[in-house]
């Protein structure tokens, strides 16, 4: 689904010839940008370029400057009064909108989740990215038993979310967030068994769990609702290997094969 990609390093693709500082670039890609790709710029308030705008609106405008095809971001309390305007601007620019949502932690949290789904729909989103297990598996958890406990909690959160998603005809894309390996993630989807729950496929994350990126893409592609495209470089280390994000095409990932 190239029209619904949230690119973790997509800004690197949009700075070429034809971009004039201070002016919006023409849309040159169907790739969108996930908010985490511009976190430093966000913390610096976009160098004052979008003063007075709600956070999601400012992010939309910044991505429009790059010529991006869309955005993937969360909608907080400051955004709620402005989601209709965000939708209108996105439609005007021909950009798609994807949300980032937290699934319900327990039965008492389902109402909050439903409100978030409604807000995302009002903003023009039909899909949202989420994670179900906090932190990187190899950093957060000290034992397999501890990980399995959080894995059960993650499954329960999706089972609580599913009726809400079905009622609102809204799709939730669970990222392979350096948490579950291929078989574990697919088993989670099987247990939920819903057309409204799929995957946000990060093309590199499962490499940290010693799984081949191309095999990950092949296994997850049938369930993909959105994708995080990025490239990475590695370097040997006494404790294993070092891994870092790099510009698309500068890393070791076979991106053409993965996309195909």
C-alpha atoms as a PDB file:
ATOM      1  CA  UNK A   1       0.000   0.000   0.000  1.00  0.00           C
ATOM      2  CA  UNK A   2       2.391   2.659  -1.207  1.00  0.00           C
ATOM      3  CA  UNK A   3      -0.243   5.321  -0.728  1.00  0.00           C
ATOM      4  CA  UNK A   4      -0.339   4.679   3.008  1.00  0.00           C
ATOM      5  CA  UNK A   5       3.275   4.472   4.063  1.00  0.00           C
ATOM      6  CA  UNK A   6       4.565   6.246   7.149  1.00  0.00           C
ATOM      7  CA  UNK A   7       8.259   6.681   6.474  1.00  0.00           C
ATOM      8  CA  UNK A   8      10.531   6.899   9.469  1.00  0.00           C
ATOM      9  CA  UNK A   9      13.270   8.531   7.412  1.00  0.00           C
ATOM     10  CA  UNK A  10      11.142  10.005   4.664  1.00  0.00           C
ATOM     11  CA  UNK A  11      12.337  13.607   5.218  1.00  0.00           C
ATOM     12  CA  UNK A  12      15.610  12.568   3.635  1.00  0.00           C
ATOM     13  CA  UNK A  13      13.760  12.023   0.378  1.00  0.00           C
ATOM     14  CA  UNK A  14      12.222  15.455   0.096  1.00  0.00           C
ATOM     15  CA  UNK A  15      15.142  17.878   0.218  1.00  0.00           C
ATOM     16  CA  UNK A  16      16.192  17.698  -3.407  1.00  0.00           C
ATOM     17  CA  UNK A  17      16.073  20.097  -6.313  1.00  0.00           C
ATOM     18  CA  UNK A  18      13.000  22.285  -6.576  1.00  0.00           C
ATOM     19  CA  UNK A  19      12.518  22.899  -2.859  1.00  0.00           C
ATOM     20  CA  UNK A  20      12.514  26.590  -1.984  1.00  0.00           C
ATOM     21  CA  UNK A  21      13.023  27.491   1.655  1.00  0.00           C
ATOM     22  CA  UNK A  22       9.930  29.076   3.126  1.00  0.00           C
ATOM     23  CA  UNK A  23       7.624  27.761   0.413  1.00  0.00           C
ATOM     24  CA  UNK A  24       5.568  24.585   0.245  1.00  0.00           C
ATOM     25  CA  UNK A  25       7.022  21.994  -2.073  1.00  0.00           C
ATOM     26  CA  UNK A  26       4.793  20.277  -4.634  1.00  0.00           C
ATOM     27  CA  UNK A  27       3.857  16.751  -3.611  1.00  0.00           C
ATOM     28  CA  UNK A  28       6.619  14.540  -4.944  1.00  0.00           C
ATOM     29  CA  UNK A  29       5.908  11.358  -3.030  1.00  0.00           C
ATOM     30  CA  UNK A  30       3.035   9.239  -1.769  1.00  0.00           C
ATOM     31  CA  UNK A  31       5.155   8.523   1.294  1.00  0.00           C
ATOM     32  CA  UNK A  32       4.017  10.084   4.525  1.00  0.00           C
ATOM     33  CA  UNK A  33       6.109  11.022   7.548  1.00  0.00           C
ATOM     34  CA  UNK A  34       5.662   9.675  11.067  1.00  0.00           C
ATOM     35  CA  UNK A  35       5.934  12.267  13.828  1.00  0.00           C
ATOM     36  CA  UNK A  36       8.970  10.574  15.418  1.00  0.00           C
ATOM     37  CA  UNK A  37      11.032  11.340  12.309  1.00  0.00           C
ATOM     38  CA  UNK A  38      10.881  15.053  13.152  1.00  0.00           C
ATOM     39  CA  UNK A  39      10.970  14.909  16.939  1.00  0.00           C
ATOM     40  CA  UNK A  40      13.886  17.349  17.290  1.00  0.00           C
ATOM     41  CA  UNK A  41      12.162  19.875  15.022  1.00  0.00           C
ATOM     42  CA  UNK A  42       8.946  19.396  16.982  1.00  0.00           C
ATOM     43  CA  UNK A  43      10.671  20.074  20.311  1.00  0.00           C
ATOM     44  CA  UNK A  44      12.153  23.250  18.846  1.00  0.00           C
ATOM     45  CA  UNK A  45       8.656  24.372  17.777  1.00  0.00           C
ATOM     46  CA  UNK A  46       9.488  24.135  14.063  1.00  0.00           C
ATOM     47  CA  UNK A  47      11.813  27.146  14.341  1.00  0.00           C
ATOM     48  CA  UNK A  48       8.741  29.337  14.722  1.00  0.00           C
ATOM     49  CA  UNK A  49       7.371  28.531  11.268  1.00  0.00           C
ATOM     50  CA  UNK A  50       3.962  27.410  12.505  1.00  0.00           C
ATOM     51  CA  UNK A  51       3.416  29.611  15.548  1.00  0.00           C
ATOM     52  CA  UNK A  52      -0.082  29.461  16.974  1.00  0.00           C
ATOM     53  CA  UNK A  53      -1.028  26.161  15.343  1.00  0.00           C
ATOM     54  CA  UNK A  54      -2.074  23.081  17.300  1.00  0.00           C
ATOM     55  CA  UNK A  55       0.644  20.363  17.329  1.00  0.00           C
ATOM     56  CA  UNK A  56      -0.914  18.119  14.668  1.00  0.00           C
ATOM     57  CA  UNK A  57      -1.677  21.075  12.404  1.00  0.00           C
ATOM     58  CA  UNK A  58       1.901  22.304  12.695  1.00  0.00           C
ATOM     59  CA  UNK A  59       3.163  18.820  11.834  1.00  0.00           C
ATOM     60  CA  UNK A  60       0.878  18.653   8.790  1.00  0.00           C
ATOM     61  CA  UNK A  61       2.141  22.010   7.548  1.00  0.00           C
ATOM     62  CA  UNK A  62       5.775  21.015   8.048  1.00  0.00           C
ATOM     63  CA  UNK A  63       5.268  17.781   6.098  1.00  0.00           C
ATOM     64  CA  UNK A  64       3.507  19.719   3.367  1.00  0.00           C
ATOM     65  CA  UNK A  65       6.634  21.861   3.069  1.00  0.00           C
ATOM     66  CA  UNK A  66       8.585  18.682   2.339  1.00  0.00           C
ATOM     67  CA  UNK A  67       6.151  17.566  -0.354  1.00  0.00           C
ATOM     68  CA  UNK A  68       5.142  14.525   1.698  1.00  0.00           C
ATOM     69  CA  UNK A  69       2.058  12.515   0.865  1.00  0.00           C
ATOM     70  CA  UNK A  70       0.681  12.326   4.378  1.00  0.00           C
ATOM     71  CA  UNK A  71       1.256  12.217   8.123  1.00  0.00           C
ATOM     72  CA  UNK A  72       1.093   9.725  10.978  1.00  0.00           C
ATOM     73  CA  UNK A  73       0.716  11.281  14.433  1.00  0.00           C
ATOM     74  CA  UNK A  74      -1.252  11.287  17.658  1.00  0.00           C
ATOM     75  CA  UNK A  75      -3.979  13.820  18.480  1.00  0.00           C
ATOM     76  CA  UNK A  76      -3.781  15.289  21.971  1.00  0.00           C
ATOM     77  CA  UNK A  77      -6.078  17.630  23.918  1.00  0.00           C
ATOM     78  CA  UNK A  78      -4.669  20.677  22.129  1.00  0.00           C
ATOM     79  CA  UNK A  79      -5.567  19.119  18.769  1.00  0.00           C
ATOM     80  CA  UNK A  80      -9.156  18.160  19.572  1.00  0.00           C
ATOM     81  CA  UNK A  81     -10.732  21.562  18.740  1.00  0.00           C
ATOM     82  CA  UNK A  82      -8.856  21.687  15.423  1.00  0.00           C
ATOM     83  CA  UNK A  83      -9.259  18.230  13.863  1.00  0.00           C
ATOM     84  CA  UNK A  84     -11.879  19.436  11.376  1.00  0.00           C
ATOM     85  CA  UNK A  85      -9.454  22.088  10.151  1.00  0.00           C
ATOM     86  CA  UNK A  86      -6.684  19.498   9.931  1.00  0.00           C
ATOM     87  CA  UNK A  87      -8.876  17.286   7.783  1.00  0.00           C
ATOM     88  CA  UNK A  88      -9.764  20.191   5.520  1.00  0.00           C
ATOM     89  CA  UNK A  89      -6.125  21.202   5.056  1.00  0.00           C
ATOM     90  CA  UNK A  90      -5.055  17.619   4.401  1.00  0.00           C
ATOM     91  CA  UNK A  91      -7.766  17.202   1.764  1.00  0.00           C
ATOM     92  CA  UNK A  92      -6.769  20.503   0.186  1.00  0.00           C
ATOM     93  CA  UNK A  93      -3.128  19.366  -0.018  1.00  0.00           C
ATOM     94  CA  UNK A  94      -4.063  15.883  -1.229  1.00  0.00           C
ATOM     95  CA  UNK A  95      -2.430  14.333   1.848  1.00  0.00           C
ATOM     96  CA  UNK A  96      -3.557  11.282   3.819  1.00  0.00           C
ATOM     97  CA  UNK A  97      -3.832  11.231   7.607  1.00  0.00           C
ATOM     98  CA  UNK A  98      -2.995   8.320   9.898  1.00  0.00           C
ATOM     99  CA  UNK A  99      -3.344   8.384  13.677  1.00  0.00           C
ATOM    100  CA  UNK A 100      -1.276   6.979  16.527  1.00  0.00           C
ATOM    101  CA  UNK A 101      -3.442   5.520  19.305  1.00  0.00           C
ATOM    102  CA  UNK A 102      -2.880   3.754  22.611  1.00  0.00           C
ATOM    103  CA  UNK A 103      -5.054   0.636  22.962  1.00  0.00           C
ATOM    104  CA  UNK A 104      -7.205   0.261  26.088  1.00  0.00           C
ATOM    105  CA  UNK A 105      -5.227  -0.974  29.083  1.00  0.00           C
ATOM    106  CA  UNK A 106      -8.280  -2.486  30.780  1.00  0.00           C
ATOM    107  CA  UNK A 107     -12.084  -2.490  30.663  1.00  0.00           C
ATOM    108  CA  UNK A 108     -12.276   0.905  32.361  1.00  0.00           C
ATOM    109  CA  UNK A 109     -10.091   2.400  29.607  1.00  0.00           C
ATOM    110  CA  UNK A 110     -12.296   1.353  26.690  1.00  0.00           C
ATOM    111  CA  UNK A 111     -14.314   4.578  26.833  1.00  0.00           C
ATOM    112  CA  UNK A 112     -11.158   6.670  26.481  1.00  0.00           C
ATOM    113  CA  UNK A 113     -10.057   4.537  23.520  1.00  0.00           C
ATOM    114  CA  UNK A 114     -13.406   4.991  21.778  1.00  0.00           C
ATOM    115  CA  UNK A 115     -13.160   8.770  22.154  1.00  0.00           C
ATOM    116  CA  UNK A 116      -9.686   8.633  20.606  1.00  0.00           C
ATOM    117  CA  UNK A 117     -10.977   6.597  17.663  1.00  0.00           C
ATOM    118  CA  UNK A 118     -13.767   9.104  17.063  1.00  0.00           C
ATOM    119  CA  UNK A 119     -11.286  11.988  17.160  1.00  0.00           C
ATOM    120  CA  UNK A 120      -8.990  10.232  14.692  1.00  0.00           C
ATOM    121  CA  UNK A 121     -11.897   9.669  12.305  1.00  0.00           C
ATOM    122  CA  UNK A 122     -12.885  13.329  12.557  1.00  0.00           C
ATOM    123  CA  UNK A 123      -9.307  14.191  11.549  1.00  0.00           C
ATOM    124  CA  UNK A 124      -9.734  12.096   8.408  1.00  0.00           C
ATOM    125  CA  UNK A 125      -7.887   8.970   9.501  1.00  0.00           C
ATOM    126  CA  UNK A 126      -9.150   5.483   8.730  1.00  0.00           C
ATOM    127  CA  UNK A 127      -6.195   3.659  10.284  1.00  0.00           C
ATOM    128  CA  UNK A 128      -4.049   4.157  13.377  1.00  0.00           C
ATOM    129  CA  UNK A 129      -0.677   2.757  14.369  1.00  0.00           C
ATOM    130  CA  UNK A 130      -0.253   1.327  17.857  1.00  0.00           C
ATOM    131  CA  UNK A 131       2.065  -0.771  20.013  1.00  0.00           C
ATOM    132  CA  UNK A 132       0.937  -3.390  22.534  1.00  0.00           C
ATOM    133  CA  UNK A 133       4.157  -4.123  24.466  1.00  0.00           C
ATOM    134  CA  UNK A 134       6.122  -1.242  26.040  1.00  0.00           C
ATOM    135  CA  UNK A 135       9.823  -0.899  25.355  1.00  0.00           C
ATOM    136  CA  UNK A 136      12.297  -2.961  23.395  1.00  0.00           C
ATOM    137  CA  UNK A 137      12.130  -6.626  24.312  1.00  0.00           C
ATOM    138  CA  UNK A 138      15.882  -6.954  24.876  1.00  0.00           C
ATOM    139  CA  UNK A 139      16.092  -3.817  27.058  1.00  0.00           C
ATOM    140  CA  UNK A 140      12.834  -3.751  29.030  1.00  0.00           C
ATOM    141  CA  UNK A 141      12.496  -7.354  30.171  1.00  0.00           C
ATOM    142  CA  UNK A 142      14.889  -9.360  32.361  1.00  0.00           C
ATOM    143  CA  UNK A 143      13.184 -12.731  31.998  1.00  0.00           C
ATOM    144  CA  UNK A 144      11.103 -14.575  29.409  1.00  0.00           C
ATOM    145  CA  UNK A 145       8.330 -14.979  31.981  1.00  0.00           C
ATOM    146  CA  UNK A 146       8.103 -11.202  32.423  1.00  0.00           C
ATOM    147  CA  UNK A 147       7.892 -10.721  28.676  1.00  0.00           C
ATOM    148  CA  UNK A 148       5.154 -13.369  28.362  1.00  0.00           C
ATOM    149  CA  UNK A 149       3.139 -11.568  31.039  1.00  0.00           C
ATOM    150  CA  UNK A 150       3.197  -8.326  29.042  1.00  0.00           C
ATOM    151  CA  UNK A 151       2.465 -10.294  25.867  1.00  0.00           C
ATOM    152  CA  UNK A 152      -0.770 -11.534  27.436  1.00  0.00           C
ATOM    153  CA  UNK A 153      -1.633  -7.967  28.454  1.00  0.00           C
ATOM    154  CA  UNK A 154      -1.014  -6.800  24.893  1.00  0.00           C
ATOM    155  CA  UNK A 155      -3.341  -9.419  23.465  1.00  0.00           C
ATOM    156  CA  UNK A 156      -6.024  -8.471  25.975  1.00  0.00           C
ATOM    157  CA  UNK A 157      -5.739  -4.805  24.979  1.00  0.00           C
ATOM    158  CA  UNK A 158      -6.425  -5.701  21.345  1.00  0.00           C
ATOM    159  CA  UNK A 159      -9.362  -7.901  22.308  1.00  0.00           C
ATOM    160  CA  UNK A 160     -10.819  -4.967  24.248  1.00  0.00           C
ATOM    161  CA  UNK A 161     -10.214  -2.615  21.309  1.00  0.00           C
ATOM    162  CA  UNK A 162     -11.707  -4.865  18.625  1.00  0.00           C
ATOM    163  CA  UNK A 163     -15.432  -4.270  19.278  1.00  0.00           C
ATOM    164  CA  UNK A 164     -14.822  -0.506  19.233  1.00  0.00           C
ATOM    165  CA  UNK A 165     -12.900  -0.759  15.951  1.00  0.00           C
ATOM    166  CA  UNK A 166     -15.622  -2.888  14.365  1.00  0.00           C
ATOM    167  CA  UNK A 167     -18.365  -0.538  15.523  1.00  0.00           C
ATOM    168  CA  UNK A 168     -16.621   2.469  13.984  1.00  0.00           C
ATOM    169  CA  UNK A 169     -15.172   0.599  10.999  1.00  0.00           C
ATOM    170  CA  UNK A 170     -11.706   1.806  11.928  1.00  0.00           C
ATOM    171  CA  UNK A 171      -8.475  -0.113  11.436  1.00  0.00           C
ATOM    172  CA  UNK A 172      -5.728  -0.541  14.035  1.00  0.00           C
ATOM    173  CA  UNK A 173      -2.200  -1.346  12.836  1.00  0.00           C
ATOM    174  CA  UNK A 174       0.002  -3.013  15.463  1.00  0.00           C
ATOM    175  CA  UNK A 175       3.675  -2.241  14.948  1.00  0.00           C
ATOM    176  CA  UNK A 176       6.333  -4.948  15.218  1.00  0.00           C
ATOM    177  CA  UNK A 177       7.983  -2.762  17.822  1.00  0.00           C
ATOM    178  CA  UNK A 178      11.112  -4.808  18.603  1.00  0.00           C
ATOM    179  CA  UNK A 179       8.844  -6.861  20.829  1.00  0.00           C
ATOM    180  CA  UNK A 180       7.451 -10.056  19.288  1.00  0.00           C
ATOM    181  CA  UNK A 181       9.185 -12.239  16.751  1.00  0.00           C
ATOM    182  CA  UNK A 182       7.392 -13.155  13.497  1.00  0.00           C
ATOM    183  CA  UNK A 183       5.573 -16.255  14.756  1.00  0.00           C
ATOM    184  CA  UNK A 184       4.577 -14.539  18.001  1.00  0.00           C
ATOM    185  CA  UNK A 185       3.122 -11.509  16.232  1.00  0.00           C
ATOM    186  CA  UNK A 186       1.190 -13.642  13.766  1.00  0.00           C
ATOM    187  CA  UNK A 187      -0.174 -15.745  16.621  1.00  0.00           C
ATOM    188  CA  UNK A 188      -1.413 -12.556  18.310  1.00  0.00           C
ATOM    189  CA  UNK A 189      -3.266 -11.536  15.139  1.00  0.00           C
ATOM    190  CA  UNK A 190      -4.748 -15.027  14.838  1.00  0.00           C
ATOM    191  CA  UNK A 191      -6.054 -14.854  18.396  1.00  0.00           C
ATOM    192  CA  UNK A 192      -7.712 -11.484  17.764  1.00  0.00           C
ATOM    193  CA  UNK A 193      -8.982 -12.643  14.364  1.00  0.00           C
ATOM    194  CA  UNK A 194     -10.433  -9.355  13.142  1.00  0.00           C
ATOM    195  CA  UNK A 195     -10.473  -7.572   9.808  1.00  0.00           C
ATOM    196  CA  UNK A 196     -10.026  -4.352  11.805  1.00  0.00           C
ATOM    197  CA  UNK A 197      -6.702  -5.337  13.378  1.00  0.00           C
ATOM    198  CA  UNK A 198      -3.595  -5.680  11.229  1.00  0.00           C
ATOM    199  CA  UNK A 199       0.022  -4.591  11.243  1.00  0.00           C
ATOM    200  CA  UNK A 200       2.143  -1.487  10.980  1.00  0.00           C
ATOM    201  CA  UNK A 201       5.126  -3.207   9.379  1.00  0.00           C
ATOM    202  CA  UNK A 202       8.466  -1.702  10.336  1.00  0.00           C
ATOM    203  CA  UNK A 203      10.881  -3.021   7.744  1.00  0.00           C
ATOM    204  CA  UNK A 204      13.882  -3.196  10.103  1.00  0.00           C
ATOM    205  CA  UNK A 205      12.672  -3.741  13.666  1.00  0.00           C
ATOM    206  CA  UNK A 206      12.703  -7.533  13.657  1.00  0.00           C
ATOM    207  CA  UNK A 207      16.351  -7.520  12.682  1.00  0.00           C
ATOM    208  CA  UNK A 208      17.033  -6.617  16.322  1.00  0.00           C
ATOM    209  CA  UNK A 209      15.420  -9.958  17.219  1.00  0.00           C
ATOM    210  CA  UNK A 210      17.764 -11.733  14.771  1.00  0.00           C
ATOM    211  CA  UNK A 211      15.154 -12.166  12.032  1.00  0.00           C
ATOM    212  CA  UNK A 212      15.810 -11.446   8.368  1.00  0.00           C
ATOM    213  CA  UNK A 213      14.167  -8.188   7.161  1.00  0.00           C
ATOM    214  CA  UNK A 214      13.056  -9.715   3.858  1.00  0.00           C
ATOM    215  CA  UNK A 215      11.501 -12.718   5.589  1.00  0.00           C
ATOM    216  CA  UNK A 216       9.777 -10.342   8.004  1.00  0.00           C
ATOM    217  CA  UNK A 217       8.295  -8.395   5.095  1.00  0.00           C
ATOM    218  CA  UNK A 218       7.096 -11.559   3.382  1.00  0.00           C
ATOM    219  CA  UNK A 219       5.455 -12.858   6.539  1.00  0.00           C
ATOM    220  CA  UNK A 220       3.793  -9.592   7.521  1.00  0.00           C
ATOM    221  CA  UNK A 221       2.777  -8.260   4.078  1.00  0.00           C
ATOM    222  CA  UNK A 222      -0.655  -9.977   4.003  1.00  0.00           C
ATOM    223  CA  UNK A 223      -1.575  -8.181   7.228  1.00  0.00           C
ATOM    224  CA  UNK A 224      -0.039  -4.782   6.468  1.00  0.00           C
ATOM    225  CA  UNK A 225      -2.260  -1.736   6.952  1.00  0.00           C
ATOM    226  CA  UNK A 226       0.601   0.760   6.964  1.00  0.00           C
ATOM    227  CA  UNK A 227       4.405   0.597   6.798  1.00  0.00           C
ATOM    228  CA  UNK A 228       7.416   2.268   8.402  1.00  0.00           C
ATOM    229  CA  UNK A 229      10.090   2.539   5.713  1.00  0.00           C
ATOM    230  CA  UNK A 230      13.638   3.215   6.880  1.00  0.00           C
ATOM    231  CA  UNK A 231      17.226   2.145   6.279  1.00  0.00           C
ATOM    232  CA  UNK A 232      19.842   1.153   8.826  1.00  0.00           C
ATOM    233  CA  UNK A 233      23.566   0.587   9.206  1.00  0.00           C
ATOM    234  CA  UNK A 234      25.288  -1.878  11.519  1.00  0.00           C
ATOM    235  CA  UNK A 235      28.712  -2.123  13.130  1.00  0.00           C
ATOM    236  CA  UNK A 236      30.252  -4.977  15.149  1.00  0.00           C
ATOM    237  CA  UNK A 237      30.474  -4.464  18.905  1.00  0.00           C
ATOM    238  CA  UNK A 238      31.826  -6.468  21.825  1.00  0.00           C
ATOM    239  CA  UNK A 239      28.256  -7.015  23.068  1.00  0.00           C
ATOM    240  CA  UNK A 240      26.777  -7.845  19.660  1.00  0.00           C
ATOM    241  CA  UNK A 241      26.278  -5.068  17.117  1.00  0.00           C
ATOM    242  CA  UNK A 242      25.426  -1.385  16.956  1.00  0.00           C
ATOM    243  CA  UNK A 243      22.440  -0.339  14.879  1.00  0.00           C
ATOM    244  CA  UNK A 244      21.458   3.138  13.680  1.00  0.00           C
ATOM    245  CA  UNK A 245      19.055   4.801  11.260  1.00  0.00           C
ATOM    246  CA  UNK A 246      20.598   6.259   8.104  1.00  0.00           C
ATOM    247  CA  UNK A 247      19.362   7.924   4.934  1.00  0.00           C
ATOM    248  CA  UNK A 248      17.326   5.711   2.625  1.00  0.00           C
ATOM    249  CA  UNK A 249      19.737   3.837   0.363  1.00  0.00           C
ATOM    250  CA  UNK A 250      22.760   4.311   2.620  1.00  0.00           C
ATOM    251  CA  UNK A 251      22.137   1.250   4.817  1.00  0.00           C
ATOM    252  CA  UNK A 252      22.206  -2.505   4.443  1.00  0.00           C
ATOM    253  CA  UNK A 253      18.478  -3.104   3.894  1.00  0.00           C
ATOM    254  CA  UNK A 254      17.420  -4.348   0.455  1.00  0.00           C
ATOM    255  CA  UNK A 255      14.569  -1.839   0.257  1.00  0.00           C
ATOM    256  CA  UNK A 256      13.546  -2.594  -3.370  1.00  0.00           C
ATOM    257  CA  UNK A 257      13.138  -6.281  -2.535  1.00  0.00           C
ATOM    258  CA  UNK A 258      11.308  -5.522   0.714  1.00  0.00           C
ATOM    259  CA  UNK A 259       8.835  -3.177  -0.984  1.00  0.00           C
ATOM    260  CA  UNK A 260       8.298  -5.629  -3.846  1.00  0.00           C
END
